[in-house]
Amino acid sequence: MFKFIGQFLSGLWRASMFWRIPPFEDPSAGVRVGNRLGGSLMFLFLLFFFVALVLVVAGSLFGFTIEDVLGGADAVLAQLGPSLDFIGKVLIQKVLMALILAVCAAVAVMLVFFRNSVDSPSWWKTILILLGCLMVGYCSAVNMLAPLDPYDPSLGDQYYYDP
């Protein structure tokens, strides 16, 4: 079964990368036909389309209407919204930024204190790398230490379906 899922997803990816048509026609979005981003958005559209199709078919087998099935899925996602938002903020803003800061610190320590290799860069390159580590490390530290933004459910209100 997992092989089928992998083949299905790779088929969706190949089809979306072949066509590379963005699923919306808003020219202000900046996604042109033939762009790799257009293909990636088409992949997401096809993926969610087939998930919705499976939900509708399974719901109709059990006697539910399309509005009940997709509205129920919307209601579940709306209830999970604050939890998923918090988990995403913690994972990105705290954990990922701490890992980036640790990598920057490790690169800086390795470049300054362990320079006894023949392949070590020159001092000018070392200074440029250290400045890059300083900039990226500063941005990740500031982002990591910033407070978490409160959850705002009004951002997705135009998509909310209330049966």
Protein backbone atom coordinates (compact mmCIF):
# COMPACT_ATOMS: atom_id res chain seq x y z
CA MET A 1 0.00 0.00 0.00
CA PHE A 2 2.84 2.40 0.82
CA LYS A 3 4.38 1.70 -2.58
CA PHE A 4 1.08 2.69 -4.21
CA ILE A 5 0.96 5.94 -2.20
CA GLY A 6 4.53 6.76 -3.17
CA GLN A 7 3.86 6.01 -6.83
CA PHE A 8 0.67 8.07 -6.73
CA LEU A 9 2.43 11.07 -5.16
CA SER A 10 5.34 10.83 -7.59
CA GLY A 11 2.86 10.66 -10.48
CA LEU A 12 1.13 13.79 -9.20
CA TRP A 13 4.52 15.50 -8.88
CA ARG A 14 5.58 14.53 -12.40
CA ALA A 15 2.27 15.67 -13.88
CA SER A 16 2.35 19.01 -12.05
CA MET A 17 6.00 19.62 -12.98
CA PHE A 18 5.21 18.79 -16.62
CA TRP A 19 2.30 21.20 -16.89
CA ARG A 20 3.48 23.87 -14.41
CA ILE A 21 0.18 25.69 -14.47
CA PRO A 22 -0.69 27.65 -11.31
CA PRO A 23 -4.16 26.70 -10.01
CA PHE A 24 -5.32 30.33 -9.88
CA GLU A 25 -5.33 33.06 -12.47
CA ASP A 26 -4.56 36.10 -10.34
CA PRO A 27 -1.74 37.93 -12.14
CA SER A 28 -0.92 39.93 -9.01
CA ALA A 29 0.25 36.71 -7.31
CA GLY A 30 3.39 36.77 -9.43
CA VAL A 31 3.26 33.10 -10.42
CA ARG A 32 3.59 32.60 -14.16
CA VAL A 33 2.74 29.59 -16.25
CA GLY A 34 5.87 27.47 -16.66
CA ASN A 35 7.40 28.57 -13.36
CA ARG A 36 8.52 25.88 -10.88
CA LEU A 37 6.43 27.57 -8.20
CA GLY A 38 3.39 27.20 -10.46
CA GLY A 39 4.11 23.46 -10.69
CA SER A 40 4.50 23.19 -6.92
CA LEU A 41 1.21 24.98 -6.35
CA MET A 42 -0.42 22.71 -8.91
CA PHE A 43 0.93 19.69 -6.98
CA LEU A 44 -0.64 20.98 -3.75
CA PHE A 45 -3.92 21.66 -5.56
CA LEU A 46 -3.99 18.14 -7.04
CA LEU A 47 -3.08 16.59 -3.68
CA PHE A 48 -5.88 18.38 -1.83
CA PHE A 49 -8.28 17.73 -4.71
CA PHE A 50 -7.73 13.98 -4.43
CA VAL A 51 -8.01 14.08 -0.64
CA ALA A 52 -11.35 15.92 -0.99
CA LEU A 53 -12.44 13.44 -3.66
CA VAL A 54 -11.71 10.50 -1.35
CA LEU A 55 -13.60 12.23 1.47
CA VAL A 56 -16.62 12.90 -0.74
CA VAL A 57 -16.72 9.35 -2.13
CA ALA A 58 -16.31 7.80 1.31
CA GLY A 59 -18.94 10.14 2.76
CA SER A 60 -21.41 9.34 -0.02
CA LEU A 61 -20.96 5.62 0.65
CA PHE A 62 -22.10 6.24 4.22
CA GLY A 63 -25.00 8.50 3.18
CA PHE A 64 -23.57 11.95 3.82
CA THR A 65 -23.87 14.88 1.44
CA ILE A 66 -20.90 16.76 0.02
CA GLU A 67 -21.60 19.76 2.24
CA ASP A 68 -21.69 17.58 5.36
CA VAL A 69 -18.41 15.84 4.53
CA LEU A 70 -16.36 18.86 3.49
CA GLY A 71 -18.03 21.11 6.06
CA GLY A 72 -17.17 18.58 8.75
CA ALA A 73 -13.57 18.52 7.61
CA ASP A 74 -13.53 22.32 7.72
CA ALA A 75 -14.99 22.30 11.22
CA VAL A 76 -12.37 19.83 12.47
CA LEU A 77 -9.54 21.87 10.94
CA ALA A 78 -11.01 25.06 12.42
CA GLN A 79 -11.03 23.46 15.87
CA LEU A 80 -7.45 22.21 15.42
CA GLY A 81 -6.30 25.61 14.09
CA PRO A 82 -5.02 27.14 17.34
CA SER A 83 -3.17 23.97 18.33
CA LEU A 84 -1.57 23.52 14.91
CA ASP A 85 -0.65 27.21 14.85
CA PHE A 86 1.05 26.97 18.25
CA ILE A 87 2.93 23.79 17.32
CA GLY A 88 4.11 25.33 14.06
CA LYS A 89 5.26 28.52 15.78
CA VAL A 90 7.17 26.60 18.43
CA LEU A 91 8.79 24.28 15.90
CA ILE A 92 9.83 27.06 13.52
CA GLN A 93 10.38 30.04 15.79
CA LYS A 94 12.03 28.26 18.69
CA VAL A 95 13.43 24.86 17.66
CA LEU A 96 14.57 25.61 14.11
CA MET A 97 16.04 28.98 15.08
CA ALA A 98 17.93 27.36 17.99
CA LEU A 99 19.39 24.78 15.59
CA ILE A 100 20.46 27.49 13.14
CA LEU A 101 22.05 29.47 15.98
CA ALA A 102 23.90 26.34 17.17
CA VAL A 103 25.20 25.66 13.64
CA CYS A 104 26.40 29.26 13.31
CA ALA A 105 28.17 29.07 16.67
CA ALA A 106 29.77 25.72 15.78
CA VAL A 107 31.02 27.03 12.42
CA ALA A 108 32.47 30.12 14.10
CA VAL A 109 34.24 28.08 16.79
CA MET A 110 35.62 25.63 14.22
CA LEU A 111 36.93 28.44 12.00
CA VAL A 112 38.63 30.36 14.80
CA PHE A 113 39.98 27.70 17.14
CA PHE A 114 40.67 24.73 14.87
CA ARG A 115 42.71 26.24 12.03
CA ASN A 116 45.56 23.72 11.95
CA SER A 117 44.34 22.07 8.74
CA VAL A 118 45.96 22.69 5.36
CA ASP A 119 42.53 23.14 3.79
CA SER A 120 41.45 25.95 6.12
CA PRO A 121 40.40 29.14 4.31
CA SER A 122 42.47 32.29 4.30
CA TRP A 123 41.89 34.95 6.96
CA TRP A 124 39.85 37.15 4.60
CA LYS A 125 37.53 34.28 3.76
CA THR A 126 37.37 33.38 7.43
CA ILE A 127 36.35 36.94 8.31
CA LEU A 128 33.65 36.92 5.61
CA ILE A 129 32.31 33.55 6.82
CA LEU A 130 32.31 34.81 10.41
CA LEU A 131 30.40 37.94 9.38
CA GLY A 132 27.86 35.73 7.59
CA CYS A 133 27.54 33.54 10.68
CA LEU A 134 27.14 36.66 12.81
CA MET A 135 24.32 38.01 10.63
CA VAL A 136 22.44 34.71 10.37
CA GLY A 137 23.02 33.93 14.06
CA TYR A 138 21.80 37.37 15.12
CA CYS A 139 18.62 37.05 13.05
CA SER A 140 17.90 33.57 14.40
CA ALA A 141 18.60 34.65 18.00
CA VAL A 142 16.29 37.66 17.73
CA ASN A 143 13.57 35.52 16.17
CA MET A 144 14.06 32.81 18.78
CA LEU A 145 13.83 35.24 21.70
CA ALA A 146 10.80 37.11 20.35
CA PRO A 147 7.44 36.35 21.97
CA LEU A 148 4.99 34.17 20.10
CA ASP A 149 2.26 36.02 18.23
CA PRO A 150 -1.28 35.28 19.39
CA TYR A 151 -3.45 33.13 17.17
CA ASP A 152 -5.71 35.18 14.89
CA PRO A 153 -8.57 33.08 13.46
CA SER A 154 -9.89 36.00 11.41
CA LEU A 155 -7.18 35.47 8.78
CA GLY A 156 -9.02 32.48 7.33
CA ASP A 157 -12.59 33.64 7.85
CA GLN A 158 -13.27 34.11 4.15
CA TYR A 159 -12.75 30.35 3.67
CA TYR A 160 -14.77 29.19 6.67
CA TYR A 161 -17.87 27.16 5.88
CA ASP A 162 -20.62 27.07 8.50
CA PRO A 163 -23.37 24.57 7.65
